[in-house]
Amino acid sequence: MTMLLSLVAVISLVVGGIGIMNIMLVSVTERTREIGIRKAIGATPDDILIQFLIEASIISLLGGLVGIGLGIGGSMLLSAVAGWNTIVNLTAIVAAVVVSAGIGIFFGIYPASKAAR
């Protein structure tokens, strides 16, 4: 059961990461004028790369926070409705935030490097 749930989680992370990458690629394509203006006023490729990596990680973090909220809410609802004792582990929440940010950065590297070029 643990292996099955782990596999589902990995597939969900990959699909979410690909979604973030596609959103960021569209954003880069639509914002070529903004990128050109930033370069014209002195922004280095590293500045643009960092901007898009931050955007990708924020999108991913917001999705992670929504997931954490739904998980905690579902846990509380399950406790109230079914009478089960549920425990929300702080370590799991911290790990979820770190993995969420990592996925955003990992899948945001290609669009960010494309924007920087």
PDB file of N, CA and C in Angstrom:
ATOM      1  N   MET A   1       0.833  -1.190   0.000  1.00  0.00           N
ATOM      2  CA  MET A   1       0.000   0.000   0.000  1.00  0.00           C
ATOM      3  C   MET A   1       0.879   1.256   0.000  1.00  0.00           C
ATOM      4  N   THR A   2       1.973   1.193   0.757  1.00  0.00           N
ATOM      5  CA  THR A   2       2.886   2.334   0.803  1.00  0.00           C
ATOM      6  C   THR A   2       3.508   2.580  -0.565  1.00  0.00           C
ATOM      7  N   MET A   3       3.883   1.498  -1.239  1.00  0.00           N
ATOM      8  CA  MET A   3       4.469   1.630  -2.578  1.00  0.00           C
ATOM      9  C   MET A   3       3.462   2.221  -3.565  1.00  0.00           C
ATOM     10  N   LEU A   4       2.221   1.789  -3.470  1.00  0.00           N
ATOM     11  CA  LEU A   4       1.188   2.291  -4.361  1.00  0.00           C
ATOM     12  C   LEU A   4       0.952   3.779  -4.134  1.00  0.00           C
ATOM     13  N   LEU A   5       0.832   4.171  -2.886  1.00  0.00           N
ATOM     14  CA  LEU A   5       0.618   5.581  -2.572  1.00  0.00           C
ATOM     15  C   LEU A   5       1.825   6.430  -2.975  1.00  0.00           C
ATOM     16  N   SER A   6       3.022   5.884  -2.797  1.00  0.00           N
ATOM     17  CA  SER A   6       4.235   6.604  -3.203  1.00  0.00           C
ATOM     18  C   SER A   6       4.267   6.795  -4.715  1.00  0.00           C
ATOM     19  N   LEU A   7       3.890   5.763  -5.454  1.00  0.00           N
ATOM     20  CA  LEU A   7       3.854   5.861  -6.902  1.00  0.00           C
ATOM     21  C   LEU A   7       2.839   6.905  -7.364  1.00  0.00           C
ATOM     22  N   VAL A   8       1.676   6.927  -6.750  1.00  0.00           N
ATOM     23  CA  VAL A   8       0.661   7.925  -7.089  1.00  0.00           C
ATOM     24  C   VAL A   8       1.180   9.328  -6.784  1.00  0.00           C
ATOM     25  N   ALA A   9       1.866   9.487  -5.665  1.00  0.00           N
ATOM     26  CA  ALA A   9       2.418  10.795  -5.300  1.00  0.00           C
ATOM     27  C   ALA A   9       3.473  11.245  -6.296  1.00  0.00           C
ATOM     28  N   VAL A  10       4.339  10.346  -6.706  1.00  0.00           N
ATOM     29  CA  VAL A  10       5.388  10.697  -7.678  1.00  0.00           C
ATOM     30  C   VAL A  10       4.768  11.089  -9.015  1.00  0.00           C
ATOM     31  N   ILE A  11       3.784  10.336  -9.463  1.00  0.00           N
ATOM     32  CA  ILE A  11       3.116  10.662 -10.722  1.00  0.00           C
ATOM     33  C   ILE A  11       2.441  12.030 -10.615  1.00  0.00           C
ATOM     34  N   SER A  12       1.810  12.307  -9.489  1.00  0.00           N
ATOM     35  CA  SER A  12       1.153  13.601  -9.292  1.00  0.00           C
ATOM     36  C   SER A  12       2.163  14.736  -9.314  1.00  0.00           C
ATOM     37  N   LEU A  13       3.315  14.535  -8.694  1.00  0.00           N
ATOM     38  CA  LEU A  13       4.348  15.575  -8.686  1.00  0.00           C
ATOM     39  C   LEU A  13       4.890  15.834 -10.088  1.00  0.00           C
ATOM     40  N   VAL A  14       5.108  14.780 -10.853  1.00  0.00           N
ATOM     41  CA  VAL A  14       5.615  14.948 -12.212  1.00  0.00           C
ATOM     42  C   VAL A  14       4.584  15.670 -13.085  1.00  0.00           C
ATOM     43  N   VAL A  15       3.330  15.278 -12.982  1.00  0.00           N
ATOM     44  CA  VAL A  15       2.278  15.928 -13.770  1.00  0.00           C
ATOM     45  C   VAL A  15       2.143  17.399 -13.365  1.00  0.00           C
ATOM     46  N   GLY A  16       2.164  17.670 -12.074  1.00  0.00           N
ATOM     47  CA  GLY A  16       2.106  19.054 -11.611  1.00  0.00           C
ATOM     48  C   GLY A  16       3.302  19.861 -12.080  1.00  0.00           C
ATOM     49  N   GLY A  17       4.480  19.248 -12.048  1.00  0.00           N
ATOM     50  CA  GLY A  17       5.683  19.933 -12.513  1.00  0.00           C
ATOM     51  C   GLY A  17       5.634  20.241 -13.994  1.00  0.00           C
ATOM     52  N   ILE A  18       5.123  19.308 -14.787  1.00  0.00           N
ATOM     53  CA  ILE A  18       4.993  19.552 -16.221  1.00  0.00           C
ATOM     54  C   ILE A  18       3.988  20.676 -16.472  1.00  0.00           C
ATOM     55  N   GLY A  19       2.929  20.717 -15.675  1.00  0.00           N
ATOM     56  CA  GLY A  19       1.958  21.811 -15.788  1.00  0.00           C
ATOM     57  C   GLY A  19       2.588  23.157 -15.485  1.00  0.00           C
ATOM     58  N   ILE A  20       3.404  23.207 -14.438  1.00  0.00           N
ATOM     59  CA  ILE A  20       4.086  24.454 -14.094  1.00  0.00           C
ATOM     60  C   ILE A  20       5.039  24.859 -15.216  1.00  0.00           C
ATOM     61  N   MET A  21       5.764  23.886 -15.765  1.00  0.00           N
ATOM     62  CA  MET A  21       6.693  24.186 -16.847  1.00  0.00           C
ATOM     63  C   MET A  21       5.947  24.748 -18.058  1.00  0.00           C
ATOM     64  N   ASN A  22       4.806  24.166 -18.404  1.00  0.00           N
ATOM     65  CA  ASN A  22       4.036  24.660 -19.548  1.00  0.00           C
ATOM     66  C   ASN A  22       3.504  26.065 -19.299  1.00  0.00           C
ATOM     67  N   ILE A  23       3.021  26.313 -18.096  1.00  0.00           N
ATOM     68  CA  ILE A  23       2.531  27.657 -17.752  1.00  0.00           C
ATOM     69  C   ILE A  23       3.661  28.672 -17.866  1.00  0.00           C
ATOM     70  N   MET A  24       4.832  28.307 -17.376  1.00  0.00           N
ATOM     71  CA  MET A  24       5.963  29.224 -17.424  1.00  0.00           C
ATOM     72  C   MET A  24       6.449  29.433 -18.866  1.00  0.00           C
ATOM     73  N   LEU A  25       6.418  28.393 -19.702  1.00  0.00           N
ATOM     74  CA  LEU A  25       6.814  28.557 -21.104  1.00  0.00           C
ATOM     75  C   LEU A  25       5.867  29.515 -21.835  1.00  0.00           C
ATOM     76  N   VAL A  26       4.577  29.393 -21.563  1.00  0.00           N
ATOM     77  CA  VAL A  26       3.611  30.326 -22.163  1.00  0.00           C
ATOM     78  C   VAL A  26       3.865  31.739 -21.653  1.00  0.00           C
ATOM     79  N   SER A  27       4.163  31.853 -20.364  1.00  0.00           N
ATOM     80  CA  SER A  27       4.446  33.156 -19.779  1.00  0.00           C
ATOM     81  C   SER A  27       5.674  33.794 -20.425  1.00  0.00           C
ATOM     82  N   VAL A  28       6.704  33.003 -20.668  1.00  0.00           N
ATOM     83  CA  VAL A  28       7.913  33.524 -21.314  1.00  0.00           C
ATOM     84  C   VAL A  28       7.590  33.999 -22.721  1.00  0.00           C
ATOM     85  N   THR A  29       6.804  33.222 -23.450  1.00  0.00           N
ATOM     86  CA  THR A  29       6.447  33.585 -24.823  1.00  0.00           C
ATOM     87  C   THR A  29       5.637  34.876 -24.857  1.00  0.00           C
ATOM     88  N   GLU A  30       4.703  35.026 -23.930  1.00  0.00           N
ATOM     89  CA  GLU A  30       3.854  36.213 -23.920  1.00  0.00           C
ATOM     90  C   GLU A  30       4.574  37.445 -23.400  1.00  0.00           C
ATOM     91  N   ARG A  31       5.639  37.250 -22.655  1.00  0.00           N
ATOM     92  CA  ARG A  31       6.309  38.395 -22.022  1.00  0.00           C
ATOM     93  C   ARG A  31       7.650  38.723 -22.656  1.00  0.00           C
ATOM     94  N   THR A  32       7.816  38.411 -23.932  1.00  0.00           N
ATOM     95  CA  THR A  32       9.092  38.705 -24.578  1.00  0.00           C
ATOM     96  C   THR A  32       9.380  40.200 -24.604  1.00  0.00           C
ATOM     97  N   ARG A  33       8.354  41.003 -24.749  1.00  0.00           N
ATOM     98  CA  ARG A  33       8.552  42.460 -24.749  1.00  0.00           C
ATOM     99  C   ARG A  33       9.070  42.923 -23.386  1.00  0.00           C
ATOM    100  N   GLU A  34       8.452  42.420 -22.312  1.00  0.00           N
ATOM    101  CA  GLU A  34       8.904  42.785 -20.959  1.00  0.00           C
ATOM    102  C   GLU A  34      10.356  42.353 -20.735  1.00  0.00           C
ATOM    103  N   ILE A  35      10.685  41.149 -21.190  1.00  0.00           N
ATOM    104  CA  ILE A  35      12.052  40.647 -21.028  1.00  0.00           C
ATOM    105  C   ILE A  35      13.021  41.531 -21.811  1.00  0.00           C
ATOM    106  N   GLY A  36      12.642  41.917 -23.026  1.00  0.00           N
ATOM    107  CA  GLY A  36      13.488  42.794 -23.836  1.00  0.00           C
ATOM    108  C   GLY A  36      13.695  44.150 -23.191  1.00  0.00           C
ATOM    109  N   ILE A  37      12.647  44.698 -22.612  1.00  0.00           N
ATOM    110  CA  ILE A  37      12.768  45.994 -21.929  1.00  0.00           C
ATOM    111  C   ILE A  37      13.692  45.864 -20.723  1.00  0.00           C
ATOM    112  N   ARG A  38      13.533  44.771 -19.963  1.00  0.00           N
ATOM    113  CA  ARG A  38      14.418  44.562 -18.808  1.00  0.00           C
ATOM    114  C   ARG A  38      15.873  44.454 -19.239  1.00  0.00           C
ATOM    115  N   LYS A  39      16.121  43.745 -20.340  1.00  0.00           N
ATOM    116  CA  LYS A  39      17.493  43.639 -20.849  1.00  0.00           C
ATOM    117  C   LYS A  39      18.006  44.995 -21.326  1.00  0.00           C
ATOM    118  N   ALA A  40      17.133  45.781 -21.959  1.00  0.00           N
ATOM    119  CA  ALA A  40      17.537  47.084 -22.475  1.00  0.00           C
ATOM    120  C   ALA A  40      17.927  48.053 -21.364  1.00  0.00           C
ATOM    121  N   ILE A  41      17.309  47.912 -20.198  1.00  0.00           N
ATOM    122  CA  ILE A  41      17.650  48.828 -19.106  1.00  0.00           C
ATOM    123  C   ILE A  41      18.722  48.268 -18.182  1.00  0.00           C
ATOM    124  N   GLY A  42      19.317  47.133 -18.586  1.00  0.00           N
ATOM    125  CA  GLY A  42      20.487  46.661 -17.863  1.00  0.00           C
ATOM    126  C   GLY A  42      20.358  45.374 -17.087  1.00  0.00           C
ATOM    127  N   ALA A  43      19.255  44.660 -17.217  1.00  0.00           N
ATOM    128  CA  ALA A  43      19.117  43.390 -16.496  1.00  0.00           C
ATOM    129  C   ALA A  43      20.032  42.345 -17.137  1.00  0.00           C
ATOM    130  N   THR A  44      20.712  41.607 -16.303  1.00  0.00           N
ATOM    131  CA  THR A  44      21.574  40.541 -16.802  1.00  0.00           C
ATOM    132  C   THR A  44      20.738  39.278 -17.006  1.00  0.00           C
ATOM    133  N   PRO A  45      21.252  38.326 -17.770  1.00  0.00           N
ATOM    134  CA  PRO A  45      20.524  37.061 -17.920  1.00  0.00           C
ATOM    135  C   PRO A  45      20.269  36.368 -16.578  1.00  0.00           C
ATOM    136  N   ASP A  46      21.197  36.519 -15.633  1.00  0.00           N
ATOM    137  CA  ASP A  46      20.981  35.930 -14.301  1.00  0.00           C
ATOM    138  C   ASP A  46      19.797  36.567 -13.585  1.00  0.00           C
ATOM    139  N   ASP A  47      19.618  37.888 -13.750  1.00  0.00           N
ATOM    140  CA  ASP A  47      18.471  38.563 -13.138  1.00  0.00           C
ATOM    141  C   ASP A  47      17.156  38.002 -13.673  1.00  0.00           C
ATOM    142  N   ILE A  48      17.095  37.813 -14.972  1.00  0.00           N
ATOM    143  CA  ILE A  48      15.875  37.298 -15.593  1.00  0.00           C
ATOM    144  C   ILE A  48      15.651  35.846 -15.194  1.00  0.00           C
ATOM    145  N   LEU A  49      16.728  35.064 -15.157  1.00  0.00           N
ATOM    146  CA  LEU A  49      16.638  33.669 -14.734  1.00  0.00           C
ATOM    147  C   LEU A  49      16.079  33.569 -13.322  1.00  0.00           C
ATOM    148  N   ILE A  50      16.612  34.380 -12.422  1.00  0.00           N
ATOM    149  CA  ILE A  50      16.152  34.352 -11.027  1.00  0.00           C
ATOM    150  C   ILE A  50      14.692  34.781 -10.926  1.00  0.00           C
ATOM    151  N   GLN A  51      14.291  35.789 -11.698  1.00  0.00           N
ATOM    152  CA  GLN A  51      12.898  36.244 -11.668  1.00  0.00           C
ATOM    153  C   GLN A  51      11.951  35.104 -12.044  1.00  0.00           C
ATOM    154  N   PHE A  52      12.256  34.397 -13.113  1.00  0.00           N
ATOM    155  CA  PHE A  52      11.357  33.334 -13.552  1.00  0.00           C
ATOM    156  C   PHE A  52      11.421  32.119 -12.634  1.00  0.00           C
ATOM    157  N   LEU A  53      12.578  31.844 -12.038  1.00  0.00           N
ATOM    158  CA  LEU A  53      12.649  30.755 -11.060  1.00  0.00           C
ATOM    159  C   LEU A  53      11.826  31.074  -9.819  1.00  0.00           C
ATOM    160  N   ILE A  54      11.861  32.328  -9.383  1.00  0.00           N
ATOM    161  CA  ILE A  54      11.052  32.739  -8.232  1.00  0.00           C
ATOM    162  C   ILE A  54       9.569  32.615  -8.563  1.00  0.00           C
ATOM    163  N   GLU A  55       9.182  33.023  -9.765  1.00  0.00           N
ATOM    164  CA  GLU A  55       7.780  32.899 -10.164  1.00  0.00           C
ATOM    165  C   GLU A  55       7.333  31.440 -10.176  1.00  0.00           C
ATOM    166  N   ALA A  56       8.166  30.567 -10.720  1.00  0.00           N
ATOM    167  CA  ALA A  56       7.815  29.144 -10.774  1.00  0.00           C
ATOM    168  C   ALA A  56       7.712  28.551  -9.377  1.00  0.00           C
ATOM    169  N   SER A  57       8.634  28.929  -8.485  1.00  0.00           N
ATOM    170  CA  SER A  57       8.584  28.375  -7.126  1.00  0.00           C
ATOM    171  C   SER A  57       7.389  28.924  -6.350  1.00  0.00           C
ATOM    172  N   ILE A  58       6.997  30.159  -6.602  1.00  0.00           N
ATOM    173  CA  ILE A  58       5.818  30.718  -5.919  1.00  0.00           C
ATOM    174  C   ILE A  58       4.545  30.008  -6.395  1.00  0.00           C
ATOM    175  N   ILE A  59       4.441  29.758  -7.695  1.00  0.00           N
ATOM    176  CA  ILE A  59       3.276  29.020  -8.208  1.00  0.00           C
ATOM    177  C   ILE A  59       3.209  27.652  -7.547  1.00  0.00           C
ATOM    178  N   SER A  60       4.348  26.986  -7.479  1.00  0.00           N
ATOM    179  CA  SER A  60       4.405  25.653  -6.884  1.00  0.00           C
ATOM    180  C   SER A  60       4.107  25.689  -5.390  1.00  0.00           C
ATOM    181  N   LEU A  61       4.657  26.681  -4.691  1.00  0.00           N
ATOM    182  CA  LEU A  61       4.395  26.802  -3.251  1.00  0.00           C
ATOM    183  C   LEU A  61       2.925  27.070  -2.964  1.00  0.00           C
ATOM    184  N   LEU A  62       2.297  27.901  -3.775  1.00  0.00           N
ATOM    185  CA  LEU A  62       0.868  28.165  -3.565  1.00  0.00           C
ATOM    186  C   LEU A  62       0.050  26.893  -3.753  1.00  0.00           C
ATOM    187  N   GLY A  63       0.400  26.112  -4.765  1.00  0.00           N
ATOM    188  CA  GLY A  63      -0.274  24.824  -4.950  1.00  0.00           C
ATOM    189  C   GLY A  63      -0.042  23.889  -3.777  1.00  0.00           C
ATOM    190  N   GLY A  64       1.185  23.886  -3.262  1.00  0.00           N
ATOM    191  CA  GLY A  64       1.500  23.066  -2.091  1.00  0.00           C
ATOM    192  C   GLY A  64       0.734  23.502  -0.858  1.00  0.00           C
ATOM    193  N   LEU A  65       0.613  24.812  -0.670  1.00  0.00           N
ATOM    194  CA  LEU A  65      -0.133  25.316   0.490  1.00  0.00           C
ATOM    195  C   LEU A  65      -1.616  24.977   0.386  1.00  0.00           C
ATOM    196  N   VAL A  66      -2.161  25.034  -0.825  1.00  0.00           N
ATOM    197  CA  VAL A  66      -3.561  24.636  -1.014  1.00  0.00           C
ATOM    198  C   VAL A  66      -3.714  23.149  -0.678  1.00  0.00           C
ATOM    199  N   GLY A  67      -2.771  22.341  -1.138  1.00  0.00           N
ATOM    200  CA  GLY A  67      -2.809  20.907  -0.830  1.00  0.00           C
ATOM    201  C   GLY A  67      -2.693  20.627   0.653  1.00  0.00           C
ATOM    202  N   ILE A  68      -1.838  21.361   1.333  1.00  0.00           N
ATOM    203  CA  ILE A  68      -1.700  21.195   2.786  1.00  0.00           C
ATOM    204  C   ILE A  68      -2.997  21.580   3.486  1.00  0.00           C
ATOM    205  N   GLY A  69      -3.591  22.690   3.040  1.00  0.00           N
ATOM    206  CA  GLY A  69      -4.865  23.118   3.629  1.00  0.00           C
ATOM    207  C   GLY A  69      -5.962  22.090   3.418  1.00  0.00           C
ATOM    208  N   LEU A  70      -6.032  21.536   2.200  1.00  0.00           N
ATOM    209  CA  LEU A  70      -7.039  20.505   1.934  1.00  0.00           C
ATOM    210  C   LEU A  70      -6.771  19.244   2.750  1.00  0.00           C
ATOM    211  N   GLY A  71      -5.502  18.900   2.907  1.00  0.00           N
ATOM    212  CA  GLY A  71      -5.163  17.720   3.704  1.00  0.00           C
ATOM    213  C   GLY A  71      -5.531  17.879   5.165  1.00  0.00           C
ATOM    214  N   ILE A  72      -5.225  19.030   5.729  1.00  0.00           N
ATOM    215  CA  ILE A  72      -5.573  19.284   7.134  1.00  0.00           C
ATOM    216  C   ILE A  72      -7.091  19.356   7.290  1.00  0.00           C
ATOM    217  N   GLY A  73      -7.752  20.041   6.347  1.00  0.00           N
ATOM    218  CA  GLY A  73      -9.215  20.128   6.404  1.00  0.00           C
ATOM    219  C   GLY A  73      -9.872  18.771   6.273  1.00  0.00           C
ATOM    220  N   GLY A  74      -9.368  17.945   5.350  1.00  0.00           N
ATOM    221  CA  GLY A  74      -9.902  16.591   5.194  1.00  0.00           C
ATOM    222  C   GLY A  74      -9.676  15.752   6.438  1.00  0.00           C
ATOM    223  N   SER A  75      -8.526  15.922   7.051  1.00  0.00           N
ATOM    224  CA  SER A  75      -8.221  15.194   8.283  1.00  0.00           C
ATOM    225  C   SER A  75      -9.180  15.596   9.409  1.00  0.00           C
ATOM    226  N   MET A  76      -9.428  16.894   9.520  1.00  0.00           N
ATOM    227  CA  MET A  76     -10.351  17.371  10.561  1.00  0.00           C
ATOM    228  C   MET A  76     -11.777  16.905  10.273  1.00  0.00           C
ATOM    229  N   LEU A  77     -12.164  16.928   8.994  1.00  0.00           N
ATOM    230  CA  LEU A  77     -13.501  16.481   8.620  1.00  0.00           C
ATOM    231  C   LEU A  77     -13.675  14.990   8.897  1.00  0.00           C
ATOM    232  N   LEU A  78     -12.665  14.210   8.592  1.00  0.00           N
ATOM    233  CA  LEU A  78     -12.704  12.778   8.856  1.00  0.00           C
ATOM    234  C   LEU A  78     -12.813  12.495  10.354  1.00  0.00           C
ATOM    235  N   SER A  79     -12.100  13.283  11.153  1.00  0.00           N
ATOM    236  CA  SER A  79     -12.193  13.120  12.604  1.00  0.00           C
ATOM    237  C   SER A  79     -13.594  13.448  13.111  1.00  0.00           C
ATOM    238  N   ALA A  80     -14.176  14.511  12.557  1.00  0.00           N
ATOM    239  CA  ALA A  80     -15.488  14.940  13.022  1.00  0.00           C
ATOM    240  C   ALA A  80     -16.603  14.000  12.559  1.00  0.00           C
ATOM    241  N   VAL A  81     -16.541  13.566  11.303  1.00  0.00           N
ATOM    242  CA  VAL A  81     -17.624  12.768  10.736  1.00  0.00           C
ATOM    243  C   VAL A  81     -17.516  11.297  11.147  1.00  0.00           C
ATOM    244  N   ALA A  82     -16.339  10.730  10.981  1.00  0.00           N
ATOM    245  CA  ALA A  82     -16.187   9.293  11.229  1.00  0.00           C
ATOM    246  C   ALA A  82     -15.751   8.978  12.655  1.00  0.00           C
ATOM    247  N   GLY A  83     -15.313   9.995  13.373  1.00  0.00           N
ATOM    248  CA  GLY A  83     -14.869   9.779  14.744  1.00  0.00           C
ATOM    249  C   GLY A  83     -13.484   9.159  14.844  1.00  0.00           C
ATOM    250  N   TRP A  84     -12.728   9.164  13.749  1.00  0.00           N
ATOM    251  CA  TRP A  84     -11.378   8.621  13.771  1.00  0.00           C
ATOM    252  C   TRP A  84     -10.414   9.645  14.348  1.00  0.00           C
ATOM    253  N   ASN A  85      -9.428   9.159  15.047  1.00  0.00           N
ATOM    254  CA  ASN A  85      -8.376  10.046  15.538  1.00  0.00           C
ATOM    255  C   ASN A  85      -7.334  10.215  14.438  1.00  0.00           C
ATOM    256  N   THR A  86      -7.134  11.440  14.007  1.00  0.00           N
ATOM    257  CA  THR A  86      -6.129  11.712  12.976  1.00  0.00           C
ATOM    258  C   THR A  86      -5.065  12.619  13.562  1.00  0.00           C
ATOM    259  N   ILE A  87      -3.847  12.434  13.093  1.00  0.00           N
ATOM    260  CA  ILE A  87      -2.720  13.229  13.572  1.00  0.00           C
ATOM    261  C   ILE A  87      -2.113  13.936  12.366  1.00  0.00           C
ATOM    262  N   VAL A  88      -1.935  15.241  12.485  1.00  0.00           N
ATOM    263  CA  VAL A  88      -1.276  16.022  11.453  1.00  0.00           C
ATOM    264  C   VAL A  88       0.170  16.204  11.892  1.00  0.00           C
ATOM    265  N   ASN A  89       1.087  15.649  11.109  1.00  0.00           N
ATOM    266  CA  ASN A  89       2.498  15.648  11.445  1.00  0.00           C
ATOM    267  C   ASN A  89       3.166  16.899  10.879  1.00  0.00           C
ATOM    268  N   LEU A  90       3.797  17.677  11.750  1.00  0.00           N
ATOM    269  CA  LEU A  90       4.456  18.908  11.323  1.00  0.00           C
ATOM    270  C   LEU A  90       5.626  18.608  10.383  1.00  0.00           C
ATOM    271  N   THR A  91       6.316  17.518  10.609  1.00  0.00           N
ATOM    272  CA  THR A  91       7.434  17.138   9.734  1.00  0.00           C
ATOM    273  C   THR A  91       6.938  16.893   8.307  1.00  0.00           C
ATOM    274  N   ALA A  92       5.788  16.259   8.169  1.00  0.00           N
ATOM    275  CA  ALA A  92       5.222  16.013   6.843  1.00  0.00           C
ATOM    276  C   ALA A  92       4.832  17.324   6.164  1.00  0.00           C
ATOM    277  N   ILE A  93       4.351  18.277   6.928  1.00  0.00           N
ATOM    278  CA  ILE A  93       3.980  19.575   6.359  1.00  0.00           C
ATOM    279  C   ILE A  93       5.216  20.304   5.860  1.00  0.00           C
ATOM    280  N   VAL A  94       6.271  20.313   6.649  1.00  0.00           N
ATOM    281  CA  VAL A  94       7.523  20.965   6.245  1.00  0.00           C
ATOM    282  C   VAL A  94       8.093  20.274   5.009  1.00  0.00           C
ATOM    283  N   ALA A  95       8.069  18.941   5.002  1.00  0.00           N
ATOM    284  CA  ALA A  95       8.563  18.197   3.842  1.00  0.00           C
ATOM    285  C   ALA A  95       7.742  18.527   2.600  1.00  0.00           C
ATOM    286  N   ALA A  96       6.437  18.677   2.752  1.00  0.00           N
ATOM    287  CA  ALA A  96       5.574  19.010   1.613  1.00  0.00           C
ATOM    288  C   ALA A  96       5.922  20.386   1.050  1.00  0.00           C
ATOM    289  N   VAL A  97       6.205  21.347   1.921  1.00  0.00           N
ATOM    290  CA  VAL A  97       6.573  22.688   1.463  1.00  0.00           C
ATOM    291  C   VAL A  97       7.918  22.649   0.729  1.00  0.00           C
ATOM    292  N   VAL A  98       8.875  21.916   1.270  1.00  0.00           N
ATOM    293  CA  VAL A  98      10.198  21.828   0.640  1.00  0.00           C
ATOM    294  C   VAL A  98      10.117  21.126  -0.713  1.00  0.00           C
ATOM    295  N   VAL A  99       9.398  20.020  -0.772  1.00  0.00           N
ATOM    296  CA  VAL A  99       9.249  19.296  -2.040  1.00  0.00           C
ATOM    297  C   VAL A  99       8.506  20.154  -3.053  1.00  0.00           C
ATOM    298  N   SER A 100       7.495  20.872  -2.606  1.00  0.00           N
ATOM    299  CA  SER A 100       6.730  21.732  -3.498  1.00  0.00           C
ATOM    300  C   SER A 100       7.624  22.808  -4.109  1.00  0.00           C
ATOM    301  N   ALA A 101       8.422  23.460  -3.298  1.00  0.00           N
ATOM    302  CA  ALA A 101       9.343  24.481  -3.813  1.00  0.00           C
ATOM    303  C   ALA A 101      10.380  23.852  -4.735  1.00  0.00           C
ATOM    304  N   GLY A 102      10.865  22.685  -4.375  1.00  0.00           N
ATOM    305  CA  GLY A 102      11.847  21.997  -5.210  1.00  0.00           C
ATOM    306  C   GLY A 102      11.301  21.636  -6.580  1.00  0.00           C
ATOM    307  N   ILE A 103      10.061  21.172  -6.618  1.00  0.00           N
ATOM    308  CA  ILE A 103       9.424  20.840  -7.896  1.00  0.00           C
ATOM    309  C   ILE A 103       9.296  22.097  -8.753  1.00  0.00           C
ATOM    310  N   GLY A 104       8.900  23.203  -8.140  1.00  0.00           N
ATOM    311  CA  GLY A 104       8.773  24.458  -8.887  1.00  0.00           C
ATOM    312  C   GLY A 104      10.097  24.911  -9.467  1.00  0.00           C
ATOM    313  N   ILE A 105      11.146  24.795  -8.677  1.00  0.00           N
ATOM    314  CA  ILE A 105      12.468  25.214  -9.161  1.00  0.00           C
ATOM    315  C   ILE A 105      12.969  24.258 -10.243  1.00  0.00           C
ATOM    316  N   PHE A 106      12.827  22.949 -10.014  1.00  0.00           N
ATOM    317  CA  PHE A 106      13.319  21.971 -10.980  1.00  0.00           C
ATOM    318  C   PHE A 106      12.638  22.122 -12.333  1.00  0.00           C
ATOM    319  N   PHE A 107      11.307  22.210 -12.321  1.00  0.00           N
ATOM    320  CA  PHE A 107      10.573  22.308 -13.579  1.00  0.00           C
ATOM    321  C   PHE A 107      10.545  23.736 -14.131  1.00  0.00           C
ATOM    322  N   GLY A 108      11.028  24.702 -13.367  1.00  0.00           N
ATOM    323  CA  GLY A 108      11.094  26.080 -13.847  1.00  0.00           C
ATOM    324  C   GLY A 108      12.430  26.435 -14.462  1.00  0.00           C
ATOM    325  N   ILE A 109      13.408  25.540 -14.377  1.00  0.00           N
ATOM    326  CA  ILE A 109      14.741  25.844 -14.888  1.00  0.00           C
ATOM    327  C   ILE A 109      14.728  26.048 -16.404  1.00  0.00           C
ATOM    328  N   TYR A 110      14.084  25.162 -17.141  1.00  0.00           N
ATOM    329  CA  TYR A 110      14.072  25.290 -18.605  1.00  0.00           C
ATOM    330  C   TYR A 110      13.387  26.583 -19.063  1.00  0.00           C
ATOM    331  N   PRO A 111      12.163  26.886 -18.586  1.00  0.00           N
ATOM    332  CA  PRO A 111      11.551  28.154 -19.013  1.00  0.00           C
ATOM    333  C   PRO A 111      12.368  29.373 -18.583  1.00  0.00           C
ATOM    334  N   ALA A 112      12.967  29.310 -17.401  1.00  0.00           N
ATOM    335  CA  ALA A 112      13.757  30.457 -16.945  1.00  0.00           C
ATOM    336  C   ALA A 112      15.000  30.644 -17.803  1.00  0.00           C
ATOM    337  N   SER A 113      15.641  29.552 -18.167  1.00  0.00           N
ATOM    338  CA  SER A 113      16.831  29.691 -19.013  1.00  0.00           C
ATOM    339  C   SER A 113      16.439  30.156 -20.413  1.00  0.00           C
ATOM    340  N   LYS A 114      15.288  29.738 -20.888  1.00  0.00           N
ATOM    341  CA  LYS A 114      14.798  30.223 -22.182  1.00  0.00           C
ATOM    342  C   LYS A 114      14.535  31.723 -22.126  1.00  0.00           C
ATOM    343  N   ALA A 115      13.958  32.182 -21.022  1.00  0.00           N
ATOM    344  CA  ALA A 115      13.703  33.626 -20.868  1.00  0.00           C
ATOM    345  C   ALA A 115      15.011  34.406 -20.777  1.00  0.00           C
ATOM    346  N   ALA A 116      15.993  33.837 -20.119  1.00  0.00           N
ATOM    347  CA  ALA A 116      17.265  34.534 -19.953  1.00  0.00           C
ATOM    348  C   ALA A 116      18.022  34.653 -21.273  1.00  0.00           C
ATOM    349  N   ARG A 117      17.764  33.718 -22.188  1.00  0.00           N
ATOM    350  CA  ARG A 117      18.414  33.776 -23.508  1.00  0.00           C
ATOM    351  C   ARG A 117      17.669  34.749 -24.387  1.00  0.00           C
TER     352      ARG A 117
END
